[in-house]
Amino acid sequence: MKDITHLRSLSTLMDSQFRLGGFRFGLDGVLGLIPGVGDIVTTGISIYIIAEAARAGCSPTTLIRMALNLALENIADMVPILGNVFDFLWKSNTRNIALLDQHLANPKHTTHQSRGVLLAIVLCLLGVLFTSLYVTFMVIKALLVAIQSMGVDV
């Protein structure tokens, strides 16, 4: 069985390292508060976890499920404020580690099939990421125009 301790630690750091009362959260939610940059960093880390799952030989179906977990998070990020709340609640890395654990307990497919699927997933996720960045930029631009129209210098 492949040792994924480093991936499990990374997932915990991103999704549930900290506690506030009874609520657990990680750097994913905190970094997600930084417009644009936070999403790039957190998505990059999540893609790394998926890439390592592909290297471990996860089936294409499992990789697609992992990518959908991440894509849902990135799509939700496009909605101002609610996307940030979703970042704290939806723990895609934890979900993906659980999928990886299931695969390692019962591997079914070869790494070769997984690599092609991984490439397609990474390309799709990069598309979602850049769309998210574009929407963030447009929202900030619209806010600046609105503020300037009120006579405030920005």
C-alpha atoms as a PDB file:
ATOM      1  CA  MET A   1       0.000   0.000   0.000  1.00  0.00           C
ATOM      2  CA  LYS A   2       1.357   3.423  -0.969  1.00  0.00           C
ATOM      3  CA  ASP A   3       2.227   5.788   1.884  1.00  0.00           C
ATOM      4  CA  ILE A   4       0.071   8.894   1.591  1.00  0.00           C
ATOM      5  CA  THR A   5       0.858  10.386   4.997  1.00  0.00           C
ATOM      6  CA  HIS A   6       2.134  13.606   3.397  1.00  0.00           C
ATOM      7  CA  LEU A   7      -1.086  13.949   1.375  1.00  0.00           C
ATOM      8  CA  ARG A   8      -3.224  13.305   4.441  1.00  0.00           C
ATOM      9  CA  SER A   9      -1.276  15.999   6.359  1.00  0.00           C
ATOM     10  CA  LEU A  10      -1.660  18.444   3.478  1.00  0.00           C
ATOM     11  CA  SER A  11      -5.385  17.741   3.292  1.00  0.00           C
ATOM     12  CA  THR A  12      -5.769  18.335   7.033  1.00  0.00           C
ATOM     13  CA  LEU A  13      -3.842  21.612   6.783  1.00  0.00           C
ATOM     14  CA  MET A  14      -6.054  22.794   3.930  1.00  0.00           C
ATOM     15  CA  ASP A  15      -9.430  21.643   5.313  1.00  0.00           C
ATOM     16  CA  SER A  16      -9.485  21.137   9.078  1.00  0.00           C
ATOM     17  CA  GLN A  17      -6.241  22.122  10.832  1.00  0.00           C
ATOM     18  CA  PHE A  18      -7.813  24.836  12.994  1.00  0.00           C
ATOM     19  CA  ARG A  19     -10.738  24.886  15.389  1.00  0.00           C
ATOM     20  CA  LEU A  20     -12.992  27.765  16.372  1.00  0.00           C
ATOM     21  CA  GLY A  21     -15.518  26.533  18.887  1.00  0.00           C
ATOM     22  CA  GLY A  22     -16.916  23.348  17.372  1.00  0.00           C
ATOM     23  CA  PHE A  23     -16.109  24.385  13.800  1.00  0.00           C
ATOM     24  CA  ARG A  24     -13.010  23.037  12.047  1.00  0.00           C
ATOM     25  CA  PHE A  25     -11.461  24.851   9.107  1.00  0.00           C
ATOM     26  CA  GLY A  26      -8.203  24.998   7.220  1.00  0.00           C
ATOM     27  CA  LEU A  27      -6.069  27.239   5.074  1.00  0.00           C
ATOM     28  CA  ASP A  28      -8.341  26.673   2.072  1.00  0.00           C
ATOM     29  CA  GLY A  29     -11.034  28.883   3.564  1.00  0.00           C
ATOM     30  CA  VAL A  30      -8.576  31.450   4.922  1.00  0.00           C
ATOM     31  CA  LEU A  31      -6.553  31.788   1.716  1.00  0.00           C
ATOM     32  CA  GLY A  32      -9.776  31.865  -0.277  1.00  0.00           C
ATOM     33  CA  LEU A  33     -10.474  35.256   1.297  1.00  0.00           C
ATOM     34  CA  ILE A  34      -7.574  36.726  -0.728  1.00  0.00           C
ATOM     35  CA  PRO A  35      -9.132  37.598  -4.114  1.00  0.00           C
ATOM     36  CA  GLY A  36      -7.591  35.706  -7.019  1.00  0.00           C
ATOM     37  CA  VAL A  37      -4.315  34.721  -5.384  1.00  0.00           C
ATOM     38  CA  GLY A  38      -5.902  32.573  -2.685  1.00  0.00           C
ATOM     39  CA  ASP A  39      -7.862  30.547  -5.215  1.00  0.00           C
ATOM     40  CA  ILE A  40      -4.757  29.969  -7.336  1.00  0.00           C
ATOM     41  CA  VAL A  41      -2.779  28.662  -4.358  1.00  0.00           C
ATOM     42  CA  THR A  42      -5.531  26.453  -2.931  1.00  0.00           C
ATOM     43  CA  THR A  43      -6.488  25.032  -6.330  1.00  0.00           C
ATOM     44  CA  GLY A  44      -2.834  24.307  -7.072  1.00  0.00           C
ATOM     45  CA  ILE A  45      -2.513  22.333  -3.839  1.00  0.00           C
ATOM     46  CA  SER A  46      -5.720  20.445  -4.565  1.00  0.00           C
ATOM     47  CA  ILE A  47      -4.530  19.624  -8.100  1.00  0.00           C
ATOM     48  CA  TYR A  48      -1.300  18.300  -6.568  1.00  0.00           C
ATOM     49  CA  ILE A  49      -3.301  15.906  -4.371  1.00  0.00           C
ATOM     50  CA  ILE A  50      -5.260  14.704  -7.423  1.00  0.00           C
ATOM     51  CA  ALA A  51      -2.014  14.308  -9.418  1.00  0.00           C
ATOM     52  CA  GLU A  52      -0.561  12.168  -6.634  1.00  0.00           C
ATOM     53  CA  ALA A  53      -3.730  10.069  -6.655  1.00  0.00           C
ATOM     54  CA  ALA A  54      -3.194   9.515 -10.389  1.00  0.00           C
ATOM     55  CA  ARG A  55       0.402   8.478  -9.715  1.00  0.00           C
ATOM     56  CA  ALA A  56      -0.924   6.026  -7.134  1.00  0.00           C
ATOM     57  CA  GLY A  57      -2.967   4.488  -9.955  1.00  0.00           C
ATOM     58  CA  CYS A  58      -6.457   5.679  -9.061  1.00  0.00           C
ATOM     59  CA  SER A  59      -9.042   4.724 -11.638  1.00  0.00           C
ATOM     60  CA  PRO A  60     -10.274   7.335 -14.093  1.00  0.00           C
ATOM     61  CA  THR A  61     -13.673   7.237 -12.390  1.00  0.00           C
ATOM     62  CA  THR A  62     -12.100   8.049  -9.018  1.00  0.00           C
ATOM     63  CA  LEU A  63     -10.033  10.872 -10.529  1.00  0.00           C
ATOM     64  CA  ILE A  64     -13.139  12.332 -12.138  1.00  0.00           C
ATOM     65  CA  ARG A  65     -14.950  12.238  -8.781  1.00  0.00           C
ATOM     66  CA  MET A  66     -11.971  14.021  -7.196  1.00  0.00           C
ATOM     67  CA  ALA A  67     -11.971  16.641  -9.935  1.00  0.00           C
ATOM     68  CA  LEU A  68     -15.705  17.200  -9.508  1.00  0.00           C
ATOM     69  CA  ASN A  69     -15.167  17.837  -5.776  1.00  0.00           C
ATOM     70  CA  LEU A  70     -12.603  20.487  -6.658  1.00  0.00           C
ATOM     71  CA  ALA A  71     -14.595  21.916  -9.574  1.00  0.00           C
ATOM     72  CA  LEU A  72     -17.665  22.359  -7.350  1.00  0.00           C
ATOM     73  CA  GLU A  73     -15.569  24.316  -4.881  1.00  0.00           C
ATOM     74  CA  ASN A  74     -14.118  26.531  -7.621  1.00  0.00           C
ATOM     75  CA  ILE A  75     -17.486  27.140  -9.252  1.00  0.00           C
ATOM     76  CA  ALA A  76     -18.959  28.143  -5.877  1.00  0.00           C
ATOM     77  CA  ASP A  77     -15.998  30.532  -5.440  1.00  0.00           C
ATOM     78  CA  MET A  78     -17.343  32.564  -8.344  1.00  0.00           C
ATOM     79  CA  VAL A  79     -20.223  33.776  -6.179  1.00  0.00           C
ATOM     80  CA  PRO A  80     -18.998  36.689  -4.044  1.00  0.00           C
ATOM     81  CA  ILE A  81     -19.204  36.116  -0.275  1.00  0.00           C
ATOM     82  CA  LEU A  82     -21.203  32.859  -0.577  1.00  0.00           C
ATOM     83  CA  GLY A  83     -18.216  31.333  -2.354  1.00  0.00           C
ATOM     84  CA  ASN A  84     -16.007  32.224   0.595  1.00  0.00           C
ATOM     85  CA  VAL A  85     -18.466  30.645   3.016  1.00  0.00           C
ATOM     86  CA  PHE A  86     -18.557  27.534   0.812  1.00  0.00           C
ATOM     87  CA  ASP A  87     -14.733  27.364   0.990  1.00  0.00           C
ATOM     88  CA  PHE A  88     -14.955  26.924   4.749  1.00  0.00           C
ATOM     89  CA  LEU A  89     -17.703  24.289   4.545  1.00  0.00           C
ATOM     90  CA  TRP A  90     -16.866  22.126   1.509  1.00  0.00           C
ATOM     91  CA  LYS A  91     -13.765  20.109   2.298  1.00  0.00           C
ATOM     92  CA  SER A  92     -12.769  18.838  -1.144  1.00  0.00           C
ATOM     93  CA  ASN A  93      -9.290  17.706  -0.085  1.00  0.00           C
ATOM     94  CA  THR A  94     -10.681  15.619   2.769  1.00  0.00           C
ATOM     95  CA  ARG A  95     -13.214  14.090   0.386  1.00  0.00           C
ATOM     96  CA  ASN A  96     -10.472  13.366  -2.132  1.00  0.00           C
ATOM     97  CA  ILE A  97      -8.246  11.688   0.456  1.00  0.00           C
ATOM     98  CA  ALA A  98     -11.198   9.476   1.397  1.00  0.00           C
ATOM     99  CA  LEU A  99     -11.545   8.509  -2.282  1.00  0.00           C
ATOM    100  CA  LEU A 100      -7.805   7.812  -2.465  1.00  0.00           C
ATOM    101  CA  ASP A 101      -8.043   5.643   0.670  1.00  0.00           C
ATOM    102  CA  GLN A 102     -10.864   3.660  -0.954  1.00  0.00           C
ATOM    103  CA  HIS A 103      -8.715   3.137  -4.045  1.00  0.00           C
ATOM    104  CA  LEU A 104      -5.667   2.036  -2.060  1.00  0.00           C
ATOM    105  CA  ALA A 105      -7.790  -0.455  -0.133  1.00  0.00           C
ATOM    106  CA  ASN A 106      -9.011  -1.978  -3.418  1.00  0.00           C
ATOM    107  CA  PRO A 107      -6.999  -0.867  -6.486  1.00  0.00           C
ATOM    108  CA  LYS A 108      -8.714  -1.678  -9.781  1.00  0.00           C
ATOM    109  CA  HIS A 109      -7.080   0.127 -12.694  1.00  0.00           C
ATOM    110  CA  THR A 110      -3.610   0.928 -13.911  1.00  0.00           C
ATOM    111  CA  THR A 111      -1.732   4.192 -13.690  1.00  0.00           C
ATOM    112  CA  HIS A 112      -1.595   4.477 -17.502  1.00  0.00           C
ATOM    113  CA  GLN A 113      -5.365   4.970 -17.762  1.00  0.00           C
ATOM    114  CA  SER A 114      -5.244   7.493 -14.945  1.00  0.00           C
ATOM    115  CA  ARG A 115      -2.635   9.728 -16.559  1.00  0.00           C
ATOM    116  CA  GLY A 116      -4.743  10.536 -19.611  1.00  0.00           C
ATOM    117  CA  VAL A 117      -7.752  11.301 -17.463  1.00  0.00           C
ATOM    118  CA  LEU A 118      -5.578  13.429 -15.173  1.00  0.00           C
ATOM    119  CA  LEU A 119      -4.433  15.569 -18.103  1.00  0.00           C
ATOM    120  CA  ALA A 120      -8.035  16.209 -19.144  1.00  0.00           C
ATOM    121  CA  ILE A 121      -9.008  16.984 -15.543  1.00  0.00           C
ATOM    122  CA  VAL A 122      -6.121  19.407 -15.044  1.00  0.00           C
ATOM    123  CA  LEU A 123      -7.011  21.243 -18.245  1.00  0.00           C
ATOM    124  CA  CYS A 124     -10.660  21.520 -17.201  1.00  0.00           C
ATOM    125  CA  LEU A 125      -9.749  22.691 -13.706  1.00  0.00           C
ATOM    126  CA  LEU A 126      -7.381  25.294 -15.114  1.00  0.00           C
ATOM    127  CA  GLY A 127     -10.269  26.529 -17.256  1.00  0.00           C
ATOM    128  CA  VAL A 128     -12.485  26.781 -14.171  1.00  0.00           C
ATOM    129  CA  LEU A 129      -9.703  28.538 -12.260  1.00  0.00           C
ATOM    130  CA  PHE A 130      -9.101  31.139 -14.961  1.00  0.00           C
ATOM    131  CA  THR A 131     -12.839  31.707 -15.316  1.00  0.00           C
ATOM    132  CA  SER A 132     -13.003  32.259 -11.554  1.00  0.00           C
ATOM    133  CA  LEU A 133     -10.151  34.750 -11.736  1.00  0.00           C
ATOM    134  CA  TYR A 134     -11.834  36.591 -14.605  1.00  0.00           C
ATOM    135  CA  VAL A 135     -15.128  36.819 -12.701  1.00  0.00           C
ATOM    136  CA  THR A 136     -13.266  38.049  -9.598  1.00  0.00           C
ATOM    137  CA  PHE A 137     -11.491  40.703 -11.676  1.00  0.00           C
ATOM    138  CA  MET A 138     -14.764  41.841 -13.246  1.00  0.00           C
ATOM    139  CA  VAL A 139     -16.502  42.092  -9.854  1.00  0.00           C
ATOM    140  CA  ILE A 140     -13.630  44.148  -8.418  1.00  0.00           C
ATOM    141  CA  LYS A 141     -13.633  46.362 -11.513  1.00  0.00           C
ATOM    142  CA  ALA A 142     -17.407  46.909 -11.229  1.00  0.00           C
ATOM    143  CA  LEU A 143     -17.056  47.771  -7.541  1.00  0.00           C
ATOM    144  CA  LEU A 144     -14.319  50.308  -8.298  1.00  0.00           C
ATOM    145  CA  VAL A 145     -16.441  51.923 -11.032  1.00  0.00           C
ATOM    146  CA  ALA A 146     -19.416  52.109  -8.655  1.00  0.00           C
ATOM    147  CA  ILE A 147     -17.277  53.682  -5.938  1.00  0.00           C
ATOM    148  CA  GLN A 148     -15.806  56.189  -8.393  1.00  0.00           C
ATOM    149  CA  SER A 149     -19.306  57.099  -9.645  1.00  0.00           C
ATOM    150  CA  MET A 150     -20.143  58.142  -6.072  1.00  0.00           C
ATOM    151  CA  GLY A 151     -17.324  60.667  -6.281  1.00  0.00           C
ATOM    152  CA  VAL A 152     -14.801  58.761  -4.174  1.00  0.00           C
ATOM    153  CA  ASP A 153     -11.252  58.680  -5.501  1.00  0.00           C
ATOM    154  CA  VAL A 154      -9.793  55.202  -5.588  1.00  0.00           C
END
